[in-house]
């Protein structure tokens, strides 16, 4: 079985950090995403943007991690925003009731 991959490209500006994500967010890749966001909240920008345009899969571990990271950002006086959320992921967020727990920008 092939190991799922998650690529993360980081772009910084004075007011925000954008993480362009591509691949799968699951139990094998959430650690890397968490590490990068945890580094960001150590000296938080006003906004941390997760560009989800390249995400092809997100399991329950990934969903839970997104909620935890959103709360960590909020606690650090930052805001975590999901952008370019695909139809499949938006449907999963609706079904699980997590859409209201995350800030999603069209």
N, C-alpha and C. Protein backbone atom coordinates (compact mmCIF):
# COMPACT_ATOMS: atom_id res chain seq x y z
N UNK A 1 0.84 -1.19 0.00
CA UNK A 1 0.00 0.00 0.00
C UNK A 1 0.88 1.24 0.00
N UNK A 2 0.54 2.19 -0.83
CA UNK A 2 1.31 3.42 -0.95
C UNK A 2 0.98 4.35 0.21
N UNK A 3 2.02 4.98 0.76
CA UNK A 3 1.83 5.90 1.87
C UNK A 3 1.26 7.22 1.36
N UNK A 4 0.17 7.70 1.97
CA UNK A 4 -0.40 8.98 1.54
C UNK A 4 0.59 10.12 1.82
N UNK A 5 0.53 11.11 0.98
CA UNK A 5 1.42 12.26 1.11
C UNK A 5 0.60 13.52 1.36
N UNK A 6 1.24 14.45 2.04
CA UNK A 6 0.67 15.78 2.24
C UNK A 6 1.79 16.76 2.00
N UNK A 7 1.65 17.59 0.98
CA UNK A 7 2.65 18.63 0.77
C UNK A 7 2.11 19.93 1.34
N UNK A 8 3.03 20.70 1.93
CA UNK A 8 2.66 21.94 2.59
C UNK A 8 3.65 23.02 2.14
N UNK A 9 3.14 24.00 1.41
CA UNK A 9 3.96 25.14 0.98
C UNK A 9 3.58 26.33 1.85
N UNK A 10 4.57 26.98 2.45
CA UNK A 10 4.32 28.08 3.39
C UNK A 10 4.65 29.41 2.71
N UNK A 11 3.70 30.33 2.77
CA UNK A 11 3.89 31.69 2.25
C UNK A 11 3.59 32.65 3.39
N UNK A 12 4.54 33.54 3.70
CA UNK A 12 4.36 34.49 4.81
C UNK A 12 4.24 35.92 4.28
N UNK A 13 3.34 36.66 4.88
CA UNK A 13 3.24 38.09 4.69
C UNK A 13 3.13 38.69 6.09
N UNK A 14 3.24 40.01 6.23
CA UNK A 14 3.16 40.59 7.58
C UNK A 14 1.87 40.25 8.34
N UNK A 15 0.76 40.13 7.64
CA UNK A 15 -0.51 39.92 8.33
C UNK A 15 -1.00 38.49 8.40
N UNK A 16 -0.32 37.58 7.68
CA UNK A 16 -0.83 36.21 7.66
C UNK A 16 0.22 35.22 7.18
N UNK A 17 -0.07 33.97 7.47
CA UNK A 17 0.71 32.86 6.92
C UNK A 17 -0.27 32.00 6.15
N UNK A 18 0.07 31.68 4.91
CA UNK A 18 -0.77 30.82 4.08
C UNK A 18 -0.06 29.48 3.92
N UNK A 19 -0.76 28.41 4.27
CA UNK A 19 -0.26 27.06 4.06
C UNK A 19 -1.06 26.45 2.92
N UNK A 20 -0.41 26.26 1.78
CA UNK A 20 -1.06 25.61 0.63
C UNK A 20 -0.89 24.11 0.80
N UNK A 21 -2.00 23.43 0.99
CA UNK A 21 -1.99 22.00 1.26
C UNK A 21 -2.39 21.22 0.01
N UNK A 22 -1.72 20.10 -0.20
CA UNK A 22 -2.07 19.21 -1.31
C UNK A 22 -1.86 17.77 -0.87
N UNK A 23 -2.83 16.94 -1.17
CA UNK A 23 -2.74 15.52 -0.82
C UNK A 23 -3.80 15.14 0.20
N UNK A 24 -3.40 14.28 1.13
CA UNK A 24 -4.34 13.71 2.09
C UNK A 24 -4.03 14.16 3.51
N UNK A 25 -5.10 14.46 4.24
CA UNK A 25 -4.97 14.75 5.67
C UNK A 25 -5.57 13.55 6.39
N UNK A 26 -4.70 12.74 6.98
CA UNK A 26 -5.17 11.54 7.68
C UNK A 26 -4.23 11.22 8.83
N UNK A 27 -4.43 10.07 9.45
CA UNK A 27 -3.66 9.74 10.64
C UNK A 27 -2.16 9.67 10.38
N UNK A 28 -1.75 9.46 9.14
CA UNK A 28 -0.32 9.39 8.82
C UNK A 28 0.29 10.76 8.50
N UNK A 29 -0.56 11.77 8.24
CA UNK A 29 -0.02 13.08 7.84
C UNK A 29 -0.37 14.22 8.78
N UNK A 30 -1.28 14.00 9.72
CA UNK A 30 -1.69 15.10 10.61
C UNK A 30 -0.56 15.60 11.50
N UNK A 31 0.38 14.74 11.84
CA UNK A 31 1.48 15.15 12.70
C UNK A 31 2.29 16.27 12.07
N UNK A 32 2.55 16.14 10.79
CA UNK A 32 3.32 17.17 10.08
C UNK A 32 2.55 18.49 10.03
N UNK A 33 1.27 18.43 9.70
CA UNK A 33 0.45 19.64 9.66
C UNK A 33 0.40 20.29 11.04
N UNK A 34 0.19 19.48 12.07
CA UNK A 34 0.13 20.00 13.44
C UNK A 34 1.44 20.69 13.82
N UNK A 35 2.56 20.07 13.49
CA UNK A 35 3.86 20.64 13.83
C UNK A 35 4.04 22.02 13.23
N UNK A 36 3.68 22.15 11.96
CA UNK A 36 3.85 23.44 11.28
C UNK A 36 2.93 24.50 11.88
N UNK A 37 1.66 24.17 12.12
CA UNK A 37 0.74 25.15 12.70
C UNK A 37 1.16 25.48 14.13
N UNK A 38 1.62 24.49 14.89
CA UNK A 38 2.10 24.76 16.26
C UNK A 38 3.27 25.73 16.25
N UNK A 39 4.17 25.62 15.26
CA UNK A 39 5.26 26.58 15.13
C UNK A 39 4.72 27.98 14.88
N UNK A 40 3.67 28.08 14.07
CA UNK A 40 3.07 29.37 13.75
C UNK A 40 2.47 30.04 14.98
N UNK A 41 1.80 29.26 15.82
CA UNK A 41 1.13 29.86 16.97
C UNK A 41 2.09 30.20 18.11
N UNK A 42 3.36 29.78 17.99
CA UNK A 42 4.35 30.19 18.98
C UNK A 42 4.59 31.69 18.90
N UNK A 43 4.56 32.24 17.70
CA UNK A 43 4.66 33.69 17.47
C UNK A 43 3.60 34.00 16.40
N UNK A 44 2.34 34.03 16.81
CA UNK A 44 1.24 33.95 15.84
C UNK A 44 1.06 35.21 14.99
N UNK A 45 0.81 34.98 13.70
CA UNK A 45 0.35 36.08 12.85
C UNK A 45 -1.14 36.30 13.14
N UNK A 46 -1.70 37.42 12.71
CA UNK A 46 -3.14 37.63 12.92
C UNK A 46 -4.00 36.53 12.29
N UNK A 47 -3.54 36.01 11.14
CA UNK A 47 -4.33 34.99 10.43
C UNK A 47 -3.43 33.87 9.95
N UNK A 48 -3.92 32.65 10.11
CA UNK A 48 -3.28 31.46 9.54
C UNK A 48 -4.29 30.88 8.56
N UNK A 49 -3.92 30.86 7.29
CA UNK A 49 -4.83 30.40 6.25
C UNK A 49 -4.40 29.01 5.80
N UNK A 50 -5.32 28.07 5.82
CA UNK A 50 -5.08 26.74 5.25
C UNK A 50 -5.80 26.69 3.91
N UNK A 51 -5.03 26.74 2.83
CA UNK A 51 -5.59 26.65 1.48
C UNK A 51 -5.79 25.17 1.17
N UNK A 52 -7.04 24.74 1.19
CA UNK A 52 -7.39 23.32 1.07
C UNK A 52 -7.64 22.89 -0.38
N UNK A 53 -7.31 23.76 -1.34
CA UNK A 53 -7.60 23.48 -2.74
C UNK A 53 -7.03 22.18 -3.27
N UNK A 54 -5.90 21.74 -2.73
CA UNK A 54 -5.28 20.52 -3.22
C UNK A 54 -5.56 19.28 -2.39
N UNK A 55 -6.45 19.39 -1.41
CA UNK A 55 -6.74 18.25 -0.54
C UNK A 55 -7.66 17.27 -1.27
N UNK A 56 -7.22 16.00 -1.30
CA UNK A 56 -8.00 14.97 -1.99
C UNK A 56 -8.73 14.03 -1.03
N UNK A 57 -8.35 14.07 0.26
CA UNK A 57 -8.95 13.17 1.25
C UNK A 57 -8.71 13.74 2.64
N UNK A 58 -9.67 13.54 3.53
CA UNK A 58 -9.51 13.95 4.92
C UNK A 58 -10.30 12.97 5.78
N UNK A 59 -9.60 12.22 6.66
CA UNK A 59 -10.30 11.26 7.51
C UNK A 59 -10.71 11.91 8.84
N UNK A 60 -11.26 11.11 9.74
CA UNK A 60 -11.75 11.65 11.02
C UNK A 60 -10.61 12.25 11.84
N UNK A 61 -9.44 11.65 11.77
CA UNK A 61 -8.27 12.19 12.48
C UNK A 61 -7.93 13.57 11.92
N UNK A 62 -8.01 13.72 10.62
CA UNK A 62 -7.74 15.01 9.98
C UNK A 62 -8.76 16.05 10.39
N UNK A 63 -10.03 15.67 10.43
CA UNK A 63 -11.08 16.60 10.85
C UNK A 63 -10.86 17.07 12.28
N UNK A 64 -10.58 16.12 13.16
CA UNK A 64 -10.33 16.47 14.55
C UNK A 64 -9.13 17.38 14.70
N UNK A 65 -8.10 17.13 13.92
CA UNK A 65 -6.89 17.96 13.96
C UNK A 65 -7.20 19.38 13.52
N UNK A 66 -8.01 19.54 12.49
CA UNK A 66 -8.38 20.89 12.04
C UNK A 66 -9.08 21.67 13.15
N UNK A 67 -9.96 21.01 13.88
CA UNK A 67 -10.67 21.66 14.99
C UNK A 67 -9.70 22.03 16.11
N UNK A 68 -8.81 21.10 16.46
CA UNK A 68 -7.81 21.37 17.52
C UNK A 68 -6.91 22.53 17.12
N UNK A 69 -6.45 22.54 15.88
CA UNK A 69 -5.56 23.62 15.42
C UNK A 69 -6.29 24.96 15.40
N UNK A 70 -7.56 24.95 15.06
CA UNK A 70 -8.35 26.18 15.08
C UNK A 70 -8.44 26.73 16.50
N UNK A 71 -8.66 25.85 17.46
CA UNK A 71 -8.75 26.28 18.86
C UNK A 71 -7.40 26.79 19.37
N UNK A 72 -6.31 26.11 18.99
CA UNK A 72 -4.97 26.56 19.40
C UNK A 72 -4.68 27.94 18.85
N UNK A 73 -5.03 28.17 17.59
CA UNK A 73 -4.82 29.48 16.97
C UNK A 73 -5.61 30.55 17.72
N UNK A 74 -6.86 30.24 18.02
CA UNK A 74 -7.72 31.18 18.74
C UNK A 74 -7.13 31.51 20.12
N UNK A 75 -6.67 30.51 20.81
CA UNK A 75 -6.06 30.69 22.13
C UNK A 75 -4.82 31.58 22.04
N UNK A 76 -4.10 31.51 20.91
CA UNK A 76 -2.88 32.29 20.70
C UNK A 76 -3.19 33.68 20.11
N UNK A 77 -4.47 34.07 20.10
CA UNK A 77 -4.89 35.37 19.57
C UNK A 77 -4.71 35.47 18.05
N UNK A 78 -4.87 34.36 17.37
CA UNK A 78 -4.83 34.31 15.91
C UNK A 78 -6.12 33.66 15.45
N UNK A 79 -6.33 33.64 14.15
CA UNK A 79 -7.51 32.95 13.62
C UNK A 79 -7.05 32.02 12.51
N UNK A 80 -7.58 30.80 12.54
CA UNK A 80 -7.28 29.80 11.51
C UNK A 80 -8.45 29.78 10.55
N UNK A 81 -8.15 29.99 9.26
CA UNK A 81 -9.19 30.07 8.24
C UNK A 81 -8.92 29.02 7.16
N UNK A 82 -9.96 28.27 6.80
CA UNK A 82 -9.86 27.33 5.69
C UNK A 82 -10.38 28.01 4.43
N UNK A 83 -9.61 27.93 3.35
CA UNK A 83 -10.06 28.48 2.07
C UNK A 83 -10.02 27.38 1.02
N UNK A 84 -10.71 27.62 -0.08
CA UNK A 84 -10.75 26.68 -1.20
C UNK A 84 -11.13 25.27 -0.76
N UNK A 85 -12.12 25.19 0.10
CA UNK A 85 -12.58 23.90 0.60
C UNK A 85 -13.44 23.25 -0.50
N UNK A 86 -13.04 22.06 -0.93
CA UNK A 86 -13.75 21.36 -1.99
C UNK A 86 -15.11 20.85 -1.56
N UNK A 87 -15.91 20.49 -2.55
CA UNK A 87 -17.28 20.02 -2.29
C UNK A 87 -17.29 18.80 -1.38
N UNK A 88 -16.37 17.85 -1.63
CA UNK A 88 -16.39 16.62 -0.83
C UNK A 88 -16.10 16.93 0.64
N UNK A 89 -15.12 17.79 0.90
CA UNK A 89 -14.77 18.12 2.28
C UNK A 89 -15.87 18.96 2.93
N UNK A 90 -16.45 19.87 2.18
CA UNK A 90 -17.55 20.68 2.73
C UNK A 90 -18.72 19.79 3.12
N UNK A 91 -18.99 18.78 2.31
CA UNK A 91 -20.08 17.84 2.61
C UNK A 91 -19.77 17.07 3.90
N UNK A 92 -18.51 16.62 4.05
CA UNK A 92 -18.10 15.90 5.26
C UNK A 92 -18.24 16.82 6.48
N UNK A 93 -17.84 18.07 6.34
CA UNK A 93 -17.96 19.02 7.46
C UNK A 93 -19.42 19.25 7.82
N UNK A 94 -20.30 19.30 6.82
CA UNK A 94 -21.73 19.45 7.08
C UNK A 94 -22.30 18.22 7.79
N UNK A 95 -21.96 17.04 7.29
CA UNK A 95 -22.50 15.79 7.85
C UNK A 95 -22.06 15.62 9.30
N UNK A 96 -20.80 15.96 9.59
CA UNK A 96 -20.27 15.76 10.94
C UNK A 96 -20.62 16.91 11.89
N UNK A 97 -21.16 17.99 11.35
CA UNK A 97 -21.50 19.13 12.19
C UNK A 97 -20.29 20.00 12.52
N UNK A 98 -19.16 19.76 11.87
CA UNK A 98 -17.95 20.52 12.17
C UNK A 98 -17.83 21.82 11.39
N UNK A 99 -18.70 22.02 10.44
CA UNK A 99 -18.62 23.25 9.64
C UNK A 99 -18.71 24.49 10.53
N UNK A 100 -19.55 24.42 11.54
CA UNK A 100 -19.72 25.59 12.43
C UNK A 100 -18.54 25.75 13.41
N UNK A 101 -17.72 24.70 13.57
CA UNK A 101 -16.58 24.78 14.48
C UNK A 101 -15.35 25.37 13.81
N UNK A 102 -15.40 25.54 12.49
CA UNK A 102 -14.25 26.04 11.73
C UNK A 102 -14.62 27.29 10.98
N UNK A 103 -13.65 28.19 10.80
CA UNK A 103 -13.89 29.38 9.99
C UNK A 103 -13.53 29.01 8.55
N UNK A 104 -14.54 29.10 7.68
CA UNK A 104 -14.37 28.74 6.27
C UNK A 104 -14.67 29.96 5.42
N UNK A 105 -13.73 30.27 4.54
CA UNK A 105 -13.88 31.43 3.66
C UNK A 105 -14.06 30.93 2.24
N UNK A 106 -15.05 31.49 1.56
CA UNK A 106 -15.33 31.07 0.18
C UNK A 106 -14.21 31.49 -0.76
